[in-house]
Amino acid sequence: MPRSMHRNKLALAVAMVGAFATSGAQAADTATAIFAGGCFWSVESDFDHAPGVVATTSGYIGGHVDNPTYSQVITETTGHREAVMVEYDPSVTSYETLVDTFFHLIDPIESRGQFCDYGESYTTAVYAGSETELEIAMAEKSQVAEELGKTIATDVEMAPTFWPAEHYHQNFWQSSDQLSNGLTKAQHYARYRAGCGKNRQVEAIWGEDAFKGLDGHA
């Protein structure tokens, strides 16, 4: 975790995330960014294709219940969003680049949720860890509004506590664990993503800039 983010409301999140990181050993000189972009399986799978990203963790953020469970969040009564904490190497990529990438892998115009998922928990946001990051994210949001010529629904705010989701949800998109329906998690995710229409909608909004900054996507 970045030393600059060991403070205030993120202190607990940083302490917790070490046990939940989904790939690789945590490096000493990494930084983090937090994004809510609809289904956290989908956001995690996309950022796992981003250069410089060393780990991703699905979780919950922004609500009024401590250490929420998935079953609580999906009731849409806790105020949480599904979110992903992205750990990255600042010598390879930057916070600004990751925010720009984030906007190009979501529908930033939609205020009700994302793609086939609707409700507060699926709405979009960028959660900054410092005033500098807040300024960067706000500037990126303004740039996106200018590019699309439309009002952007994505919130930009300082990050409250990030709560890692249950182990079951981590790395879901590429897991070979088998579900009760006979599919692996990866197979189930591939069907979900195709059926939800994420790729089609992002491409319809962004054209050639869809999934900008990723080395492929699911």
Protein backbone atom coordinates (compact mmCIF):
# COMPACT_ATOMS: atom_id res chain seq x y z
CA MET A 1 0.00 0.00 0.00
CA PRO A 2 1.23 3.56 -0.65
CA ARG A 3 2.57 5.35 2.39
CA SER A 4 0.56 8.43 1.33
CA MET A 5 -2.71 6.54 1.82
CA HIS A 6 -2.01 5.28 5.35
CA ARG A 7 -4.24 7.90 6.87
CA ASN A 8 -7.68 8.82 8.08
CA LYS A 9 -10.55 6.76 6.69
CA LEU A 10 -8.32 4.62 4.46
CA ALA A 11 -6.17 3.37 7.33
CA LEU A 12 -8.45 0.46 8.07
CA ALA A 13 -8.81 -0.39 4.40
CA VAL A 14 -5.07 -0.56 3.92
CA ALA A 15 -4.64 -2.78 6.94
CA MET A 16 -7.32 -5.17 5.69
CA VAL A 17 -6.40 -5.39 2.05
CA GLY A 18 -3.13 -7.27 2.57
CA ALA A 19 -5.05 -10.40 3.42
CA PHE A 20 -7.34 -10.09 0.42
CA ALA A 21 -5.03 -9.09 -2.48
CA THR A 22 -5.92 -11.23 -5.47
CA SER A 23 -2.62 -11.58 -7.29
CA GLY A 24 1.06 -11.44 -6.48
CA ALA A 25 2.94 -10.36 -3.37
CA GLN A 26 2.37 -6.81 -2.26
CA ALA A 27 5.26 -4.60 -3.28
CA ALA A 28 6.80 -2.02 -0.99
CA ASP A 29 6.53 0.86 -3.46
CA THR A 30 3.02 0.52 -4.84
CA ALA A 31 0.01 2.83 -4.74
CA THR A 32 -3.73 2.24 -4.74
CA ALA A 33 -6.80 3.57 -6.50
CA ILE A 34 -10.46 2.76 -5.82
CA PHE A 35 -13.16 2.61 -8.48
CA ALA A 36 -16.85 1.71 -8.47
CA GLY A 37 -17.97 0.70 -11.94
CA GLY A 38 -20.89 -1.66 -11.58
CA CYS A 39 -20.32 -5.36 -11.00
CA PHE A 40 -16.96 -5.70 -9.25
CA TRP A 41 -16.17 -8.95 -11.09
CA SER A 42 -16.19 -6.95 -14.32
CA VAL A 43 -14.13 -4.01 -13.09
CA GLU A 44 -11.60 -6.37 -11.53
CA SER A 45 -11.26 -8.37 -14.74
CA ASP A 46 -10.67 -5.21 -16.77
CA PHE A 47 -8.04 -3.72 -14.46
CA ASP A 48 -6.24 -7.07 -14.34
CA HIS A 49 -5.46 -6.29 -18.00
CA ALA A 50 -4.02 -2.83 -17.25
CA PRO A 51 -0.23 -2.33 -17.50
CA GLY A 52 1.32 -1.59 -14.10
CA VAL A 53 -1.51 -3.11 -12.05
CA VAL A 54 -0.14 -5.71 -9.64
CA ALA A 55 -3.28 -6.67 -7.69
CA THR A 56 -7.02 -6.06 -7.57
CA THR A 57 -9.47 -6.56 -4.71
CA SER A 58 -13.25 -6.57 -5.00
CA GLY A 59 -15.14 -4.94 -2.16
CA TYR A 60 -17.72 -2.49 -0.91
CA ILE A 61 -17.52 1.23 -0.20
CA GLY A 62 -19.58 4.23 0.78
CA GLY A 63 -22.32 2.75 2.96
CA HIS A 64 -23.40 3.00 6.58
CA VAL A 65 -22.84 -0.62 7.65
CA ASP A 66 -19.44 -1.78 8.87
CA ASN A 67 -17.94 -4.85 7.20
CA PRO A 68 -20.99 -5.48 5.00
CA THR A 69 -21.74 -8.81 3.36
CA TYR A 70 -22.79 -9.35 -0.24
CA SER A 71 -26.24 -10.44 0.87
CA GLN A 72 -26.64 -7.13 2.71
CA VAL A 73 -25.34 -4.94 -0.11
CA ILE A 74 -27.59 -6.45 -2.79
CA THR A 75 -30.67 -5.41 -0.78
CA GLU A 76 -29.78 -1.84 -1.81
CA THR A 77 -30.35 -0.65 1.77
CA THR A 78 -26.78 -0.25 3.06
CA GLY A 79 -25.67 2.60 0.79
CA HIS A 80 -22.61 0.71 -0.47
CA ARG A 81 -21.31 0.46 -3.98
CA GLU A 82 -19.49 -2.55 -5.35
CA ALA A 83 -15.93 -1.34 -5.91
CA VAL A 84 -12.42 -2.49 -6.72
CA MET A 85 -9.19 -1.44 -5.03
CA VAL A 86 -6.42 -1.40 -7.62
CA GLU A 87 -2.82 -1.75 -6.48
CA TYR A 88 -0.35 -0.46 -9.07
CA ASP A 89 3.30 0.30 -9.68
CA PRO A 90 3.74 4.09 -10.08
CA SER A 91 6.93 3.53 -12.06
CA VAL A 92 4.84 1.85 -14.77
CA THR A 93 1.54 3.72 -14.70
CA SER A 94 -0.03 6.71 -12.96
CA TYR A 95 -3.19 7.54 -11.06
CA GLU A 96 -4.25 9.85 -13.89
CA THR A 97 -3.83 7.05 -16.43
CA LEU A 98 -5.87 4.63 -14.34
CA VAL A 99 -8.70 7.15 -13.89
CA ASP A 100 -8.73 7.75 -17.64
CA THR A 101 -8.81 4.00 -18.24
CA PHE A 102 -11.65 3.60 -15.76
CA PHE A 103 -13.88 6.09 -17.54
CA HIS A 104 -13.28 4.23 -20.82
CA LEU A 105 -14.41 0.86 -19.44
CA ILE A 106 -17.77 2.03 -18.07
CA ASP A 107 -20.87 3.90 -19.22
CA PRO A 108 -20.24 7.21 -17.42
CA ILE A 109 -23.55 8.67 -18.59
CA GLU A 110 -25.80 6.12 -16.89
CA SER A 111 -26.97 7.11 -13.40
CA ARG A 112 -29.09 4.04 -12.54
CA GLY A 113 -26.32 1.40 -12.53
CA GLN A 114 -24.27 -0.25 -15.24
CA PHE A 115 -25.34 -2.30 -18.26
CA CYS A 116 -27.80 -4.98 -17.03
CA ASP A 117 -27.25 -4.22 -13.33
CA TYR A 118 -29.36 -1.49 -11.75
CA GLY A 119 -29.43 -0.10 -8.23
CA GLU A 120 -27.29 2.14 -6.03
CA SER A 121 -24.68 -0.57 -5.48
CA TYR A 122 -23.95 -0.63 -9.22
CA THR A 123 -23.59 3.12 -9.74
CA THR A 124 -20.19 4.55 -10.64
CA ALA A 125 -17.64 6.58 -8.70
CA VAL A 126 -13.97 7.43 -8.42
CA TYR A 127 -12.76 7.46 -4.80
CA ALA A 128 -9.68 9.61 -4.22
CA GLY A 129 -7.15 9.02 -1.46
CA SER A 130 -5.81 12.58 -1.34
CA GLU A 131 -6.70 16.11 -2.40
CA THR A 132 -4.28 15.78 -5.31
CA GLU A 133 -6.01 12.63 -6.52
CA LEU A 134 -9.38 14.34 -6.10
CA GLU A 135 -8.26 17.18 -8.36
CA ILE A 136 -6.94 14.72 -10.95
CA ALA A 137 -10.17 12.73 -10.95
CA MET A 138 -12.31 15.86 -11.24
CA ALA A 139 -10.22 17.04 -14.18
CA GLU A 140 -10.60 13.65 -15.87
CA LYS A 141 -14.36 13.77 -15.34
CA SER A 142 -14.49 17.21 -16.97
CA GLN A 143 -12.46 15.93 -19.88
CA VAL A 144 -14.82 12.98 -20.34
CA ALA A 145 -17.82 15.33 -20.31
CA GLU A 146 -16.16 17.39 -23.02
CA GLU A 147 -15.30 14.30 -25.09
CA LEU A 148 -18.83 12.91 -24.95
CA GLY A 149 -20.68 16.20 -24.89
CA LYS A 150 -22.94 14.89 -22.13
CA THR A 151 -23.42 15.14 -18.38
CA ILE A 152 -21.33 12.57 -16.52
CA ALA A 153 -23.13 10.60 -13.80
CA THR A 154 -19.97 9.21 -12.19
CA ASP A 155 -19.31 10.66 -8.73
CA VAL A 156 -15.86 11.82 -7.68
CA GLU A 157 -15.25 11.99 -3.93
CA MET A 158 -12.82 11.25 -1.14
CA ALA A 159 -12.65 7.60 -0.21
CA PRO A 160 -14.36 6.36 2.94
CA THR A 161 -13.53 2.88 4.28
CA PHE A 162 -13.13 0.17 1.67
CA TRP A 163 -14.34 -3.25 2.84
CA PRO A 164 -12.95 -6.26 0.93
CA ALA A 165 -15.66 -8.60 -0.32
CA GLU A 166 -15.91 -12.25 0.58
CA HIS A 167 -13.15 -14.54 -0.67
CA TYR A 168 -15.67 -16.15 -3.01
CA HIS A 169 -15.80 -12.99 -5.13
CA GLN A 170 -12.06 -12.42 -5.47
CA ASN A 171 -10.52 -13.23 -8.84
CA PHE A 172 -13.91 -14.60 -9.92
CA TRP A 173 -13.44 -13.88 -13.61
CA GLN A 174 -10.59 -16.35 -14.07
CA SER A 175 -11.23 -18.92 -11.32
CA SER A 176 -11.45 -22.61 -12.19
CA ASP A 177 -13.55 -23.30 -9.07
CA GLN A 178 -16.76 -25.08 -10.03
CA LEU A 179 -20.21 -23.73 -9.19
CA SER A 180 -23.39 -25.69 -8.46
CA ASN A 181 -24.57 -25.13 -12.04
CA GLY A 182 -21.63 -27.19 -13.32
CA LEU A 183 -19.74 -24.21 -14.73
CA THR A 184 -16.47 -22.86 -13.45
CA LYS A 185 -16.55 -19.32 -12.09
CA ALA A 186 -14.68 -18.19 -15.21
CA GLN A 187 -17.27 -19.78 -17.49
CA HIS A 188 -20.12 -18.31 -15.47
CA TYR A 189 -18.49 -14.88 -15.62
CA ALA A 190 -17.98 -15.10 -19.39
CA ARG A 191 -21.69 -15.86 -19.85
CA TYR A 192 -22.66 -13.06 -17.49
CA ARG A 193 -20.50 -10.50 -19.25
CA ALA A 194 -21.74 -11.44 -22.69
CA GLY A 195 -25.37 -11.50 -21.56
CA CYS A 196 -25.05 -8.19 -19.74
CA GLY A 197 -23.82 -6.50 -22.90
CA LYS A 198 -20.96 -4.57 -21.31
CA ASN A 199 -18.54 -4.79 -24.21
CA ARG A 200 -21.17 -3.76 -26.76
CA GLN A 201 -22.31 -0.76 -24.75
CA VAL A 202 -18.81 0.50 -23.93
CA GLU A 203 -17.87 0.20 -27.59
CA ALA A 204 -21.06 2.03 -28.63
CA ILE A 205 -20.20 4.92 -26.30
CA TRP A 206 -16.46 5.14 -26.84
CA GLY A 207 -15.82 3.70 -30.29
CA GLU A 208 -12.12 3.16 -30.88
CA ASP A 209 -11.35 4.49 -27.39
CA ALA A 210 -13.37 1.73 -25.68
CA PHE A 211 -11.27 -0.01 -23.02
CA LYS A 212 -8.50 2.50 -23.60
CA GLY A 213 -5.32 1.68 -21.68
CA LEU A 214 -5.97 -2.06 -21.34
CA ASP A 215 -4.00 -4.90 -22.86
CA GLY A 216 -7.19 -6.67 -23.88
CA HIS A 217 -10.22 -7.37 -21.73
CA ALA A 218 -12.60 -10.21 -20.85
